[in-house]
N, C-alpha and C. Protein backbone atom coordinates (compact mmCIF):
# COMPACT_ATOMS: atom_id res chain seq x y z
N UNK A 1 -49.91 -28.26 32.27
CA UNK A 1 -48.75 -27.90 33.02
C UNK A 1 -48.34 -26.48 32.65
N UNK A 2 -48.12 -25.65 33.60
CA UNK A 2 -47.76 -24.25 33.34
C UNK A 2 -46.25 -24.07 33.36
N UNK A 3 -45.84 -22.99 32.70
CA UNK A 3 -44.42 -22.67 32.65
C UNK A 3 -43.93 -22.25 34.02
N UNK A 4 -42.69 -22.60 34.29
CA UNK A 4 -42.09 -22.16 35.54
C UNK A 4 -41.79 -20.67 35.44
N UNK A 5 -41.95 -19.99 36.52
CA UNK A 5 -41.70 -18.55 36.54
C UNK A 5 -40.22 -18.22 36.36
N UNK A 6 -39.34 -19.20 36.64
CA UNK A 6 -37.90 -18.97 36.57
C UNK A 6 -37.29 -19.37 35.22
N UNK A 7 -38.07 -19.95 34.33
CA UNK A 7 -37.55 -20.35 33.03
C UNK A 7 -37.53 -19.13 32.12
N UNK A 8 -36.36 -18.74 31.59
CA UNK A 8 -36.31 -17.57 30.73
C UNK A 8 -37.03 -17.83 29.41
N UNK A 9 -37.64 -16.81 28.90
CA UNK A 9 -38.33 -16.94 27.62
C UNK A 9 -37.31 -17.03 26.49
N UNK A 10 -37.79 -17.40 25.34
CA UNK A 10 -36.91 -17.53 24.18
C UNK A 10 -36.26 -16.19 23.84
N UNK A 11 -37.02 -15.10 23.89
CA UNK A 11 -36.48 -13.76 23.60
C UNK A 11 -35.38 -13.39 24.59
N UNK A 12 -35.56 -13.70 25.85
CA UNK A 12 -34.56 -13.39 26.87
C UNK A 12 -33.26 -14.11 26.59
N UNK A 13 -33.33 -15.33 26.09
CA UNK A 13 -32.11 -16.08 25.76
C UNK A 13 -31.44 -15.54 24.51
N UNK A 14 -32.22 -15.07 23.56
CA UNK A 14 -31.67 -14.59 22.29
C UNK A 14 -31.22 -13.13 22.36
N UNK A 15 -31.72 -12.38 23.31
CA UNK A 15 -31.42 -10.95 23.38
C UNK A 15 -29.91 -10.64 23.40
N UNK A 16 -29.10 -11.30 24.25
CA UNK A 16 -27.66 -11.00 24.22
C UNK A 16 -27.02 -11.33 22.88
N UNK A 17 -27.47 -12.40 22.24
CA UNK A 17 -26.92 -12.78 20.94
C UNK A 17 -27.27 -11.72 19.89
N UNK A 18 -28.51 -11.25 19.90
CA UNK A 18 -28.93 -10.22 18.95
C UNK A 18 -28.17 -8.92 19.18
N UNK A 19 -27.99 -8.53 20.44
CA UNK A 19 -27.26 -7.30 20.74
C UNK A 19 -25.81 -7.41 20.29
N UNK A 20 -25.15 -8.52 20.60
CA UNK A 20 -23.76 -8.71 20.19
C UNK A 20 -23.62 -8.76 18.67
N UNK A 21 -24.54 -9.44 17.99
CA UNK A 21 -24.50 -9.51 16.53
C UNK A 21 -24.71 -8.13 15.92
N UNK A 22 -25.63 -7.35 16.47
CA UNK A 22 -25.86 -5.99 15.97
C UNK A 22 -24.64 -5.11 16.17
N UNK A 23 -24.01 -5.23 17.34
CA UNK A 23 -22.80 -4.45 17.62
C UNK A 23 -21.68 -4.85 16.66
N UNK A 24 -21.49 -6.15 16.45
CA UNK A 24 -20.46 -6.62 15.52
C UNK A 24 -20.72 -6.15 14.11
N UNK A 25 -21.98 -6.19 13.69
CA UNK A 25 -22.32 -5.73 12.34
C UNK A 25 -22.06 -4.24 12.18
N UNK A 26 -22.30 -3.46 13.24
CA UNK A 26 -22.04 -2.02 13.13
C UNK A 26 -20.55 -1.74 13.01
N UNK A 27 -19.71 -2.57 13.67
CA UNK A 27 -18.27 -2.37 13.55
C UNK A 27 -17.76 -2.76 12.18
N UNK A 28 -18.35 -3.79 11.59
CA UNK A 28 -17.92 -4.27 10.29
C UNK A 28 -18.78 -3.71 9.16
N UNK A 29 -19.70 -2.84 9.50
CA UNK A 29 -20.64 -2.32 8.51
C UNK A 29 -19.95 -1.67 7.34
N UNK A 30 -20.56 -1.78 6.21
CA UNK A 30 -19.98 -1.21 5.00
C UNK A 30 -20.52 0.18 4.77
N UNK A 31 -19.69 0.98 4.18
CA UNK A 31 -20.10 2.32 3.78
C UNK A 31 -20.33 2.29 2.28
N UNK A 32 -21.10 3.20 1.75
CA UNK A 32 -21.28 3.24 0.30
C UNK A 32 -19.95 3.56 -0.38
N UNK A 33 -19.83 3.13 -1.62
CA UNK A 33 -18.63 3.42 -2.39
C UNK A 33 -18.45 4.94 -2.48
N UNK A 34 -17.24 5.39 -2.27
CA UNK A 34 -16.98 6.83 -2.25
C UNK A 34 -16.21 7.31 -3.47
N UNK A 35 -15.65 6.40 -4.24
CA UNK A 35 -14.86 6.79 -5.40
C UNK A 35 -15.77 7.32 -6.51
N UNK A 36 -15.29 8.31 -7.20
CA UNK A 36 -16.01 8.89 -8.32
C UNK A 36 -15.02 9.19 -9.44
N UNK A 37 -15.56 9.34 -10.66
CA UNK A 37 -14.71 9.77 -11.76
C UNK A 37 -14.18 11.17 -11.47
N UNK A 38 -13.07 11.51 -12.09
CA UNK A 38 -12.45 12.83 -11.94
C UNK A 38 -12.13 13.16 -10.48
N UNK A 39 -11.63 12.18 -9.76
CA UNK A 39 -11.22 12.39 -8.38
C UNK A 39 -9.69 12.38 -8.32
N UNK A 40 -9.15 13.35 -7.62
CA UNK A 40 -7.70 13.45 -7.42
C UNK A 40 -7.38 13.07 -5.99
N UNK A 41 -6.40 12.19 -5.82
CA UNK A 41 -5.93 11.80 -4.50
C UNK A 41 -4.48 12.23 -4.37
N UNK A 42 -4.18 12.96 -3.31
CA UNK A 42 -2.81 13.33 -2.96
C UNK A 42 -2.47 12.59 -1.68
N UNK A 43 -1.32 11.93 -1.65
CA UNK A 43 -0.98 11.15 -0.48
C UNK A 43 0.50 11.21 -0.15
N UNK A 44 0.78 10.83 1.08
CA UNK A 44 2.16 10.75 1.55
C UNK A 44 2.21 9.75 2.68
N UNK A 45 3.43 9.33 3.01
CA UNK A 45 3.55 8.42 4.13
C UNK A 45 4.95 7.90 4.33
N UNK A 46 5.21 7.40 5.53
CA UNK A 46 6.50 6.79 5.83
C UNK A 46 6.57 5.38 5.27
N UNK A 47 7.79 4.91 5.03
CA UNK A 47 7.93 3.57 4.48
C UNK A 47 9.19 2.87 4.93
N UNK A 48 9.29 1.63 4.51
CA UNK A 48 10.43 0.77 4.83
C UNK A 48 10.85 0.08 3.54
N UNK A 49 12.15 -0.02 3.31
CA UNK A 49 12.64 -0.66 2.10
C UNK A 49 13.69 -1.70 2.41
N UNK A 50 13.72 -2.73 1.60
CA UNK A 50 14.73 -3.78 1.70
C UNK A 50 15.41 -3.88 0.34
N UNK A 51 16.70 -3.59 0.30
CA UNK A 51 17.47 -3.57 -0.93
C UNK A 51 18.50 -4.69 -0.89
N UNK A 52 18.58 -5.45 -1.98
CA UNK A 52 19.54 -6.54 -2.06
C UNK A 52 20.29 -6.40 -3.38
N UNK A 53 21.52 -5.87 -3.32
CA UNK A 53 22.33 -5.71 -4.52
C UNK A 53 23.34 -6.85 -4.67
N UNK A 54 23.64 -7.53 -3.60
CA UNK A 54 24.51 -8.70 -3.63
C UNK A 54 23.79 -9.78 -2.84
N UNK A 55 24.49 -10.81 -2.43
CA UNK A 55 23.84 -11.85 -1.62
C UNK A 55 23.37 -11.29 -0.28
N UNK A 56 24.04 -10.22 0.18
CA UNK A 56 23.63 -9.56 1.41
C UNK A 56 22.63 -8.46 1.08
N UNK A 57 21.85 -8.05 2.05
CA UNK A 57 20.88 -6.99 1.82
C UNK A 57 20.99 -5.89 2.85
N UNK A 58 20.32 -4.78 2.56
CA UNK A 58 20.29 -3.64 3.46
C UNK A 58 18.84 -3.21 3.64
N UNK A 59 18.53 -2.79 4.86
CA UNK A 59 17.20 -2.28 5.16
C UNK A 59 17.30 -0.79 5.45
N UNK A 60 16.23 -0.08 5.15
CA UNK A 60 16.24 1.35 5.42
C UNK A 60 14.84 1.93 5.49
N UNK A 61 14.79 3.16 5.99
CA UNK A 61 13.51 3.86 6.15
C UNK A 61 13.47 5.06 5.21
N UNK A 62 12.26 5.42 4.82
CA UNK A 62 12.08 6.56 3.93
C UNK A 62 10.62 6.95 3.87
N UNK A 63 10.21 7.44 2.72
CA UNK A 63 8.83 7.85 2.55
C UNK A 63 8.52 8.17 1.11
N UNK A 64 7.25 8.43 0.84
CA UNK A 64 6.79 8.70 -0.52
C UNK A 64 5.78 9.83 -0.52
N UNK A 65 5.72 10.50 -1.65
CA UNK A 65 4.71 11.51 -1.97
C UNK A 65 4.15 11.10 -3.32
N UNK A 66 2.82 11.03 -3.46
CA UNK A 66 2.24 10.49 -4.68
C UNK A 66 0.89 11.14 -4.97
N UNK A 67 0.44 10.92 -6.19
CA UNK A 67 -0.87 11.38 -6.62
C UNK A 67 -1.55 10.30 -7.44
N UNK A 68 -2.87 10.27 -7.36
CA UNK A 68 -3.67 9.33 -8.14
C UNK A 68 -4.85 10.09 -8.73
N UNK A 69 -5.18 9.79 -9.99
CA UNK A 69 -6.31 10.43 -10.65
C UNK A 69 -7.23 9.35 -11.18
N UNK A 70 -8.51 9.39 -10.77
CA UNK A 70 -9.48 8.40 -11.19
C UNK A 70 -10.07 8.76 -12.55
N UNK A 71 -9.88 7.89 -13.53
CA UNK A 71 -10.49 8.07 -14.84
C UNK A 71 -11.94 7.55 -14.82
N UNK A 72 -12.16 6.44 -14.10
CA UNK A 72 -13.49 5.87 -13.89
C UNK A 72 -13.59 5.50 -12.41
N UNK A 73 -14.69 4.83 -12.04
CA UNK A 73 -14.83 4.39 -10.65
C UNK A 73 -13.76 3.38 -10.26
N UNK A 74 -13.21 2.64 -11.24
CA UNK A 74 -12.25 1.58 -10.95
C UNK A 74 -10.83 1.87 -11.46
N UNK A 75 -10.70 2.50 -12.59
CA UNK A 75 -9.40 2.70 -13.24
C UNK A 75 -8.86 4.10 -13.00
N UNK A 76 -7.54 4.19 -12.90
CA UNK A 76 -6.90 5.48 -12.70
C UNK A 76 -5.43 5.45 -13.08
N UNK A 77 -4.78 6.58 -12.92
CA UNK A 77 -3.34 6.69 -13.14
C UNK A 77 -2.69 7.11 -11.82
N UNK A 78 -1.44 6.72 -11.64
CA UNK A 78 -0.72 7.04 -10.43
C UNK A 78 0.69 7.52 -10.78
N UNK A 79 1.19 8.46 -10.00
CA UNK A 79 2.55 8.97 -10.17
C UNK A 79 3.06 9.38 -8.79
N UNK A 80 4.37 9.29 -8.60
CA UNK A 80 4.90 9.68 -7.31
C UNK A 80 6.40 9.53 -7.23
N UNK A 81 6.91 9.76 -6.03
CA UNK A 81 8.35 9.67 -5.79
C UNK A 81 8.59 9.08 -4.41
N UNK A 82 9.67 8.32 -4.30
CA UNK A 82 10.08 7.65 -3.06
C UNK A 82 11.54 7.98 -2.80
N UNK A 83 11.90 8.11 -1.52
CA UNK A 83 13.30 8.23 -1.15
C UNK A 83 13.50 7.49 0.17
N UNK A 84 14.60 6.74 0.25
CA UNK A 84 14.93 6.02 1.49
C UNK A 84 16.45 5.96 1.64
N UNK A 85 16.87 5.75 2.87
CA UNK A 85 18.29 5.58 3.15
C UNK A 85 18.48 4.24 3.85
N UNK A 86 19.36 3.43 3.28
CA UNK A 86 19.63 2.09 3.78
C UNK A 86 20.97 2.12 4.50
N UNK A 87 20.95 1.75 5.76
CA UNK A 87 22.12 1.88 6.62
C UNK A 87 23.28 1.00 6.17
N UNK A 88 24.50 1.47 6.44
CA UNK A 88 25.69 0.68 6.09
C UNK A 88 25.77 -0.54 7.01
N UNK A 89 26.41 -1.57 6.51
CA UNK A 89 26.63 -2.79 7.28
C UNK A 89 28.12 -3.07 7.27
N UNK A 90 28.79 -2.75 8.37
CA UNK A 90 30.24 -2.89 8.44
C UNK A 90 30.68 -4.35 8.37
N UNK A 91 29.87 -5.27 8.92
CA UNK A 91 30.24 -6.68 8.88
C UNK A 91 30.28 -7.21 7.46
N UNK A 92 29.40 -6.71 6.59
CA UNK A 92 29.35 -7.17 5.21
C UNK A 92 30.03 -6.19 4.25
N UNK A 93 30.68 -5.17 4.78
CA UNK A 93 31.38 -4.15 3.98
C UNK A 93 30.45 -3.46 3.00
N UNK A 94 29.21 -3.20 3.41
CA UNK A 94 28.26 -2.49 2.55
C UNK A 94 28.17 -1.05 3.00
N UNK A 95 28.40 -0.08 2.10
CA UNK A 95 28.25 1.32 2.48
C UNK A 95 26.78 1.69 2.61
N UNK A 96 26.50 2.82 3.25
CA UNK A 96 25.13 3.33 3.28
C UNK A 96 24.65 3.60 1.85
N UNK A 97 23.37 3.43 1.62
CA UNK A 97 22.82 3.54 0.27
C UNK A 97 21.56 4.40 0.28
N UNK A 98 21.57 5.48 -0.52
CA UNK A 98 20.35 6.26 -0.72
C UNK A 98 19.67 5.74 -1.98
N UNK A 99 18.37 5.50 -1.89
CA UNK A 99 17.61 5.03 -3.03
C UNK A 99 16.46 6.00 -3.26
N UNK A 100 16.35 6.48 -4.49
CA UNK A 100 15.23 7.34 -4.87
C UNK A 100 14.67 6.82 -6.18
N UNK A 101 13.36 6.90 -6.32
CA UNK A 101 12.76 6.54 -7.60
C UNK A 101 11.46 7.30 -7.78
N UNK A 102 11.11 7.47 -9.04
CA UNK A 102 9.84 8.08 -9.43
C UNK A 102 9.08 7.09 -10.28
N UNK A 103 7.74 7.17 -10.28
CA UNK A 103 6.95 6.23 -11.06
C UNK A 103 5.77 6.90 -11.73
N UNK A 104 5.30 6.24 -12.79
CA UNK A 104 4.09 6.63 -13.52
C UNK A 104 3.46 5.36 -14.04
N UNK A 105 2.16 5.16 -13.74
CA UNK A 105 1.53 3.92 -14.18
C UNK A 105 0.04 3.91 -14.00
N UNK A 106 -0.52 2.71 -14.12
CA UNK A 106 -1.96 2.51 -14.02
C UNK A 106 -2.35 1.95 -12.67
N UNK A 107 -3.63 2.14 -12.32
CA UNK A 107 -4.15 1.77 -11.01
C UNK A 107 -5.55 1.18 -11.18
N UNK A 108 -5.83 0.08 -10.48
CA UNK A 108 -7.17 -0.52 -10.47
C UNK A 108 -7.61 -0.68 -9.03
N UNK A 109 -8.76 -0.14 -8.67
CA UNK A 109 -9.29 -0.23 -7.31
C UNK A 109 -10.67 -0.87 -7.33
N UNK A 110 -11.02 -1.48 -6.20
CA UNK A 110 -12.36 -2.03 -6.02
C UNK A 110 -12.98 -1.31 -4.84
N UNK A 111 -13.70 -0.24 -5.11
CA UNK A 111 -14.27 0.60 -4.06
C UNK A 111 -15.75 0.30 -3.90
N UNK A 112 -16.06 -0.76 -3.13
CA UNK A 112 -17.46 -1.09 -2.87
C UNK A 112 -17.77 -1.13 -1.39
N UNK A 113 -16.74 -1.07 -0.53
CA UNK A 113 -16.94 -1.02 0.92
C UNK A 113 -15.97 0.01 1.48
N UNK A 114 -15.90 0.09 2.79
CA UNK A 114 -14.94 0.99 3.44
C UNK A 114 -13.51 0.53 3.22
N UNK A 115 -13.31 -0.76 2.98
CA UNK A 115 -11.98 -1.31 2.70
C UNK A 115 -11.80 -1.38 1.19
N UNK A 116 -10.81 -0.66 0.67
CA UNK A 116 -10.64 -0.49 -0.76
C UNK A 116 -9.32 -1.13 -1.19
N UNK A 117 -9.35 -2.36 -1.74
CA UNK A 117 -8.11 -2.96 -2.24
C UNK A 117 -7.74 -2.36 -3.59
N UNK A 118 -6.45 -2.36 -3.90
CA UNK A 118 -6.00 -1.83 -5.18
C UNK A 118 -4.74 -2.55 -5.64
N UNK A 119 -4.53 -2.52 -6.95
CA UNK A 119 -3.31 -3.02 -7.56
C UNK A 119 -2.82 -1.94 -8.52
N UNK A 120 -1.51 -1.93 -8.72
CA UNK A 120 -0.93 -0.91 -9.59
C UNK A 120 0.28 -1.50 -10.31
N UNK A 121 0.50 -1.05 -11.52
CA UNK A 121 1.69 -1.41 -12.29
C UNK A 121 2.23 -0.11 -12.88
N UNK A 122 3.51 0.17 -12.62
CA UNK A 122 4.06 1.45 -13.03
C UNK A 122 5.50 1.30 -13.51
N UNK A 123 5.87 2.12 -14.49
CA UNK A 123 7.26 2.22 -14.89
C UNK A 123 8.00 3.12 -13.91
N UNK A 124 9.26 2.80 -13.64
CA UNK A 124 10.03 3.55 -12.64
C UNK A 124 11.39 3.96 -13.18
N UNK A 125 11.88 5.07 -12.65
CA UNK A 125 13.26 5.52 -12.89
C UNK A 125 13.94 5.59 -11.53
N UNK A 126 15.15 5.01 -11.44
CA UNK A 126 15.86 4.90 -10.17
C UNK A 126 17.09 5.80 -10.14
N UNK A 127 17.42 6.26 -8.93
CA UNK A 127 18.62 7.04 -8.69
C UNK A 127 19.17 6.59 -7.35
N UNK A 128 20.41 6.18 -7.32
CA UNK A 128 21.01 5.73 -6.07
C UNK A 128 22.33 6.42 -5.81
N UNK A 129 22.69 6.50 -4.56
CA UNK A 129 23.99 7.07 -4.19
C UNK A 129 24.61 6.18 -3.12
N UNK A 130 25.55 5.31 -3.43
CA UNK A 130 26.16 5.09 -4.74
C UNK A 130 25.16 4.49 -5.73
N UNK A 131 25.52 4.52 -7.01
CA UNK A 131 24.64 4.08 -8.09
C UNK A 131 24.23 2.62 -7.88
N UNK A 132 22.95 2.34 -8.11
CA UNK A 132 22.47 0.97 -8.03
C UNK A 132 23.07 0.18 -9.19
N UNK A 133 23.54 -1.04 -8.92
CA UNK A 133 24.16 -1.87 -9.95
C UNK A 133 23.51 -3.25 -9.94
N UNK A 134 23.57 -3.91 -11.12
CA UNK A 134 23.06 -5.27 -11.20
C UNK A 134 24.19 -6.26 -10.93
N UNK A 135 23.90 -7.56 -11.11
CA UNK A 135 24.88 -8.60 -10.78
C UNK A 135 26.13 -8.51 -11.64
N UNK A 136 26.02 -7.99 -12.87
CA UNK A 136 27.18 -7.85 -13.75
C UNK A 136 27.90 -6.52 -13.56
N UNK A 137 27.42 -5.68 -12.64
CA UNK A 137 28.06 -4.39 -12.39
C UNK A 137 27.51 -3.25 -13.22
N UNK A 138 26.47 -3.49 -14.03
CA UNK A 138 25.86 -2.43 -14.83
C UNK A 138 24.94 -1.56 -13.99
N UNK A 139 24.85 -0.29 -14.38
CA UNK A 139 23.97 0.64 -13.67
C UNK A 139 22.50 0.28 -13.86
N UNK A 140 21.73 0.40 -12.81
CA UNK A 140 20.28 0.19 -12.86
C UNK A 140 19.62 1.56 -12.85
N UNK A 141 18.88 1.87 -13.93
CA UNK A 141 18.21 3.17 -13.99
C UNK A 141 16.70 3.06 -14.20
N UNK A 142 16.20 1.90 -14.60
CA UNK A 142 14.77 1.78 -14.87
C UNK A 142 14.23 0.42 -14.49
N UNK A 143 12.90 0.35 -14.40
CA UNK A 143 12.26 -0.91 -14.07
C UNK A 143 10.76 -0.77 -13.99
N UNK A 144 10.16 -1.75 -13.34
CA UNK A 144 8.71 -1.81 -13.17
C UNK A 144 8.40 -2.02 -11.70
N UNK A 145 7.41 -1.30 -11.21
CA UNK A 145 6.95 -1.42 -9.82
C UNK A 145 5.55 -2.00 -9.81
N UNK A 146 5.38 -3.11 -9.09
CA UNK A 146 4.08 -3.74 -8.94
C UNK A 146 3.62 -3.52 -7.50
N UNK A 147 2.44 -2.95 -7.33
CA UNK A 147 1.95 -2.61 -5.99
C UNK A 147 0.65 -3.35 -5.68
N UNK A 148 0.50 -3.69 -4.41
CA UNK A 148 -0.73 -4.27 -3.90
C UNK A 148 -1.00 -3.58 -2.57
N UNK A 149 -2.22 -3.09 -2.39
CA UNK A 149 -2.50 -2.35 -1.16
C UNK A 149 -3.95 -2.39 -0.74
N UNK A 150 -4.20 -1.79 0.41
CA UNK A 150 -5.55 -1.71 0.97
C UNK A 150 -5.69 -0.40 1.71
N UNK A 151 -6.70 0.39 1.33
CA UNK A 151 -7.02 1.63 2.02
C UNK A 151 -8.30 1.45 2.83
N UNK A 152 -8.36 2.13 3.96
CA UNK A 152 -9.60 2.19 4.74
C UNK A 152 -10.19 3.56 4.51
N UNK A 153 -11.31 3.61 3.78
CA UNK A 153 -11.91 4.88 3.38
C UNK A 153 -13.32 4.98 3.96
N UNK A 154 -13.39 5.44 5.16
CA UNK A 154 -14.68 5.63 5.82
C UNK A 154 -15.27 7.00 5.52
N UNK A 155 -14.41 7.95 5.17
CA UNK A 155 -14.83 9.33 4.92
C UNK A 155 -14.52 9.71 3.48
N UNK A 156 -15.30 10.60 2.92
CA UNK A 156 -15.15 10.96 1.52
C UNK A 156 -13.81 11.60 1.21
N UNK A 157 -13.28 12.43 2.10
CA UNK A 157 -12.10 13.22 1.75
C UNK A 157 -10.80 12.76 2.41
N UNK A 158 -10.82 11.66 3.16
CA UNK A 158 -9.61 11.19 3.81
C UNK A 158 -9.63 9.67 3.93
N UNK A 159 -8.48 9.03 3.76
CA UNK A 159 -8.36 7.59 3.97
C UNK A 159 -6.94 7.26 4.41
N UNK A 160 -6.77 6.10 5.01
CA UNK A 160 -5.46 5.59 5.42
C UNK A 160 -5.32 4.18 4.86
N UNK A 161 -4.08 3.73 4.71
CA UNK A 161 -3.90 2.40 4.18
C UNK A 161 -2.46 1.94 4.23
N UNK A 162 -2.24 0.77 3.64
CA UNK A 162 -0.91 0.19 3.53
C UNK A 162 -0.70 -0.27 2.09
N UNK A 163 0.56 -0.29 1.68
CA UNK A 163 0.90 -0.67 0.32
C UNK A 163 2.23 -1.40 0.32
N UNK A 164 2.31 -2.47 -0.45
CA UNK A 164 3.56 -3.20 -0.65
C UNK A 164 3.96 -3.14 -2.11
N UNK A 165 5.26 -2.94 -2.38
CA UNK A 165 5.74 -2.79 -3.75
C UNK A 165 6.89 -3.76 -4.00
N UNK A 166 6.83 -4.44 -5.13
CA UNK A 166 7.92 -5.30 -5.59
C UNK A 166 8.47 -4.69 -6.86
N UNK A 167 9.77 -4.53 -6.92
CA UNK A 167 10.41 -3.87 -8.06
C UNK A 167 11.15 -4.89 -8.92
N UNK A 168 10.92 -4.84 -10.22
CA UNK A 168 11.65 -5.64 -11.20
C UNK A 168 12.49 -4.67 -12.02
N UNK A 169 13.78 -4.82 -11.97
CA UNK A 169 14.67 -3.91 -12.68
C UNK A 169 14.84 -4.36 -14.12
N UNK A 170 15.03 -3.40 -15.02
CA UNK A 170 15.25 -3.74 -16.43
C UNK A 170 16.51 -4.57 -16.56
N UNK A 171 16.49 -5.46 -17.51
CA UNK A 171 17.60 -6.38 -17.67
C UNK A 171 17.16 -7.76 -17.22
N UNK A 172 18.06 -8.53 -16.69
CA UNK A 172 17.76 -9.87 -16.22
C UNK A 172 17.14 -9.79 -14.83
N UNK A 173 15.82 -10.01 -14.76
CA UNK A 173 15.12 -9.84 -13.48
C UNK A 173 15.42 -10.96 -12.50
N UNK A 174 16.10 -12.03 -12.96
CA UNK A 174 16.46 -13.10 -12.03
C UNK A 174 17.72 -12.76 -11.26
N UNK A 175 18.43 -11.72 -11.69
CA UNK A 175 19.65 -11.29 -10.99
C UNK A 175 19.32 -10.17 -10.01
N UNK A 176 20.25 -9.92 -9.09
CA UNK A 176 20.12 -8.82 -8.15
C UNK A 176 20.36 -7.53 -8.89
N UNK A 177 19.93 -6.36 -8.43
CA UNK A 177 19.35 -6.13 -7.11
C UNK A 177 17.86 -6.40 -7.06
N UNK A 178 17.36 -6.52 -5.89
CA UNK A 178 15.93 -6.66 -5.65
C UNK A 178 15.56 -5.59 -4.63
N UNK A 179 14.48 -4.88 -4.89
CA UNK A 179 14.01 -3.85 -3.98
C UNK A 179 12.55 -4.13 -3.64
N UNK A 180 12.25 -4.19 -2.36
CA UNK A 180 10.88 -4.34 -1.87
C UNK A 180 10.63 -3.17 -0.93
N UNK A 181 9.52 -2.46 -1.14
CA UNK A 181 9.18 -1.32 -0.27
C UNK A 181 7.76 -1.49 0.26
N UNK A 182 7.55 -1.01 1.47
CA UNK A 182 6.21 -0.96 2.05
C UNK A 182 5.95 0.46 2.50
N UNK A 183 4.70 0.85 2.46
CA UNK A 183 4.33 2.24 2.71
C UNK A 183 3.06 2.30 3.55
N UNK A 184 3.03 3.18 4.54
CA UNK A 184 1.80 3.52 5.25
C UNK A 184 1.25 4.76 4.54
N UNK A 185 0.00 4.68 4.09
CA UNK A 185 -0.58 5.73 3.24
C UNK A 185 -1.54 6.63 4.02
N UNK A 186 -1.38 7.94 3.82
CA UNK A 186 -2.33 8.94 4.31
C UNK A 186 -2.81 9.70 3.08
N UNK A 187 -4.09 9.55 2.72
CA UNK A 187 -4.64 10.05 1.47
C UNK A 187 -5.65 11.15 1.69
N UNK A 188 -5.60 12.16 0.82
CA UNK A 188 -6.56 13.25 0.80
C UNK A 188 -7.21 13.25 -0.58
N UNK A 189 -8.55 13.21 -0.63
CA UNK A 189 -9.29 13.04 -1.87
C UNK A 189 -10.02 14.35 -2.24
N UNK A 190 -9.97 14.70 -3.52
CA UNK A 190 -10.59 15.92 -4.01
C UNK A 190 -11.40 15.61 -5.25
N UNK A 191 -12.64 16.06 -5.31
CA UNK A 191 -13.45 15.92 -6.50
C UNK A 191 -13.18 17.10 -7.42
N UNK A 192 -12.87 16.81 -8.66
CA UNK A 192 -12.56 17.88 -9.63
C UNK A 192 -13.77 18.19 -10.50
């Protein structure tokens, strides 16, 4: 018995699947790791902050300027500054609040694909107008910033990403205030 002339061959049936799989793989394809020792990253970006000094909270917009220096392929140091303005809330009798802080800390990245996750832990100094206060009314001037983020680094000298930061203020961390910030990152990388 001979094959029918209208029956598609096995290759003809698999061809669309192979083409679609190849196209999908090219979109998700990995790039070689681009991080190197002695690399300096300068970055900036817009951000959003949520500040809670009492039971009520305030939201605001701002931005950050930061630098990162790679000691090894994975470990580095980070430093930077953030400023945001949190709008007043007349219903809750909250005045407008400016929040600024600077940080210095350590950074760990996993740079094995185009998507580069990272974590950071840094000491921070805070400045607010009016002054940030804790639940007992004491001034808040220092704390710790924990960051988790993801950069998309397809090119050696430029990357974009997102970062979320949770702030623990010195003193009783179970009390207010609580500050959470998110940042859209635009990074420029330089080999030293």
